[in-house]
Amino acid sequence: QVQLVESGGGLVQAGGSLRLSCVASGHFFRVNVMGWYRQATGKERELVADITRGGSTRYEDSVKGRFTISRDNAKNTVYLQMNSLKPEDTAVYYCNAKVRPYGLGDDNDAWGQGTQVTVSS
């Protein structure tokens, strides 16, 4: 079992900043790719950014240059620094981790409970 616990969401004015954190815990061999997704009301969930254990990153086009994803492998933690926030960034943000179990088997998908980010204009 893997648990992902997110923190750091909230209400901020446009142009402001927030930092999200997500910690993975439980019984597993290793956490591979970690990432952040978001889902706005009435829209599908979309990838915001993700990062490999080696530090390779990718970003959704609308957040490039504003958001930075990072991780601490020793702490099984991923961060999302969000700057220059816009009202269209308002959504529930979900942490995701691809987790390798002990023994044989592929990575399992783990999800956090979600944290609300609201950007007011």
Protein backbone atom coordinates (compact mmCIF):
# COMPACT_ATOMS: atom_id res chain seq x y z
CA GLN A 1 0.00 0.00 0.00
CA VAL A 2 1.16 3.50 -0.86
CA GLN A 3 -0.14 6.71 0.62
CA LEU A 4 0.40 10.12 -0.92
CA VAL A 5 -0.25 13.11 1.30
CA GLU A 6 -0.40 16.55 -0.26
CA SER A 7 -0.15 19.96 1.35
CA GLY A 8 0.19 23.57 0.38
CA GLY A 9 -2.96 24.46 -1.50
CA GLY A 10 -5.07 27.49 -0.76
CA LEU A 11 -6.41 30.81 -1.98
CA VAL A 12 -4.10 33.34 -3.58
CA GLN A 13 -4.47 36.45 -5.69
CA ALA A 14 -3.45 36.49 -9.31
CA GLY A 15 0.29 36.98 -9.61
CA GLY A 16 0.92 35.26 -6.31
CA SER A 17 2.75 32.05 -5.47
CA LEU A 18 2.05 28.74 -3.79
CA ARG A 19 4.17 25.69 -3.11
CA LEU A 20 2.65 22.23 -3.10
CA SER A 21 4.28 19.26 -1.41
CA CYS A 22 3.52 15.55 -1.59
CA VAL A 23 5.06 12.77 0.48
CA ALA A 24 4.85 9.10 -0.44
CA SER A 25 4.85 6.53 2.33
CA GLY A 26 4.13 2.85 2.75
CA HIS A 27 5.63 -0.47 1.73
CA PHE A 28 7.32 -0.32 -1.66
CA PHE A 29 10.69 -0.76 -3.30
CA ARG A 30 11.04 2.61 -4.99
CA VAL A 31 9.15 5.64 -6.20
CA ASN A 32 9.86 6.31 -9.84
CA VAL A 33 8.16 9.14 -11.72
CA MET A 34 6.33 11.65 -9.52
CA GLY A 35 4.05 14.33 -10.83
CA TRP A 36 1.21 16.75 -10.40
CA TYR A 37 -2.09 16.71 -12.22
CA ARG A 38 -4.99 19.12 -11.95
CA GLN A 39 -8.68 19.05 -12.60
CA ALA A 40 -10.75 22.17 -12.97
CA THR A 41 -14.52 22.12 -12.62
CA GLY A 42 -16.10 20.59 -15.68
CA LYS A 43 -12.77 19.64 -17.24
CA GLU A 44 -10.73 16.49 -17.51
CA ARG A 45 -7.74 15.85 -15.32
CA GLU A 46 -4.52 16.97 -17.00
CA LEU A 47 -0.82 16.58 -16.37
CA VAL A 48 0.79 19.74 -14.99
CA ALA A 49 4.34 18.49 -14.56
CA ASP A 50 6.29 15.38 -13.73
CA ILE A 51 9.83 14.43 -12.82
CA THR A 52 11.89 11.26 -12.98
CA ARG A 53 14.22 10.01 -10.26
CA GLY A 54 17.07 11.39 -12.32
CA GLY A 55 15.51 14.84 -12.46
CA SER A 56 14.17 14.95 -15.99
CA THR A 57 11.08 17.10 -16.13
CA ARG A 58 8.23 17.90 -18.43
CA TYR A 59 5.56 20.58 -18.16
CA GLU A 60 2.19 21.37 -19.60
CA ASP A 61 2.63 24.28 -22.01
CA SER A 62 0.59 26.82 -20.08
CA VAL A 63 2.73 26.50 -16.93
CA LYS A 64 6.17 26.55 -18.52
CA GLY A 65 8.27 29.34 -17.07
CA ARG A 66 5.89 29.79 -14.12
CA PHE A 67 5.88 26.40 -12.34
CA THR A 68 8.87 24.37 -11.20
CA ILE A 69 8.73 20.75 -10.15
CA SER A 70 11.41 19.22 -7.96
CA ARG A 71 11.84 16.20 -5.73
CA ASP A 72 13.82 14.78 -2.85
CA ASN A 73 14.38 11.09 -3.51
CA ALA A 74 15.59 10.39 0.03
CA LYS A 75 12.29 11.74 1.39
CA ASN A 76 10.05 10.38 -1.38
CA THR A 77 8.75 13.91 -1.73
CA VAL A 78 7.80 15.99 -4.73
CA TYR A 79 7.25 19.73 -4.81
CA LEU A 80 5.53 22.11 -7.17
CA GLN A 81 6.51 25.76 -6.93
CA MET A 82 3.83 27.82 -8.62
CA ASN A 83 4.61 31.45 -9.42
CA SER A 84 2.73 34.11 -11.36
CA LEU A 85 -0.50 32.27 -10.74
CA LYS A 86 -3.48 33.00 -12.95
CA PRO A 87 -7.21 32.48 -12.37
CA GLU A 88 -7.12 29.72 -14.99
CA ASP A 89 -4.77 27.76 -12.71
CA THR A 90 -7.67 27.27 -10.32
CA ALA A 91 -8.25 23.54 -9.89
CA VAL A 92 -7.85 20.60 -7.58
CA TYR A 93 -4.23 19.49 -7.79
CA TYR A 94 -3.43 15.81 -7.41
CA CYS A 95 -0.10 14.22 -6.67
CA ASN A 96 0.75 11.09 -8.64
CA ALA A 97 3.51 8.57 -8.19
CA LYS A 98 4.59 5.54 -10.17
CA VAL A 99 5.63 3.13 -7.43
CA ARG A 100 7.67 -0.03 -7.92
CA PRO A 101 6.63 -2.80 -5.53
CA TYR A 102 8.96 -5.34 -3.97
CA GLY A 103 9.48 -8.45 -6.09
CA LEU A 104 8.35 -8.75 -9.65
CA GLY A 105 5.83 -6.44 -11.20
CA ASP A 106 5.31 -3.16 -12.97
CA ASP A 107 4.95 0.24 -11.37
CA ASN A 108 1.67 0.92 -9.65
CA ASP A 109 -0.16 4.23 -9.96
CA ALA A 110 -0.76 6.03 -6.67
CA TRP A 111 -2.81 9.20 -6.20
CA GLY A 112 -3.15 11.74 -3.46
CA GLN A 113 -6.48 13.00 -2.19
CA GLY A 114 -6.15 16.34 -3.96
CA THR A 115 -5.61 19.88 -2.74
CA GLN A 116 -7.59 22.89 -3.87
CA VAL A 117 -5.79 25.82 -5.46
CA THR A 118 -7.91 28.90 -6.05
CA VAL A 119 -6.54 31.98 -7.79
CA SER A 120 -8.66 35.11 -7.54
CA SER A 121 -8.53 37.86 -10.12
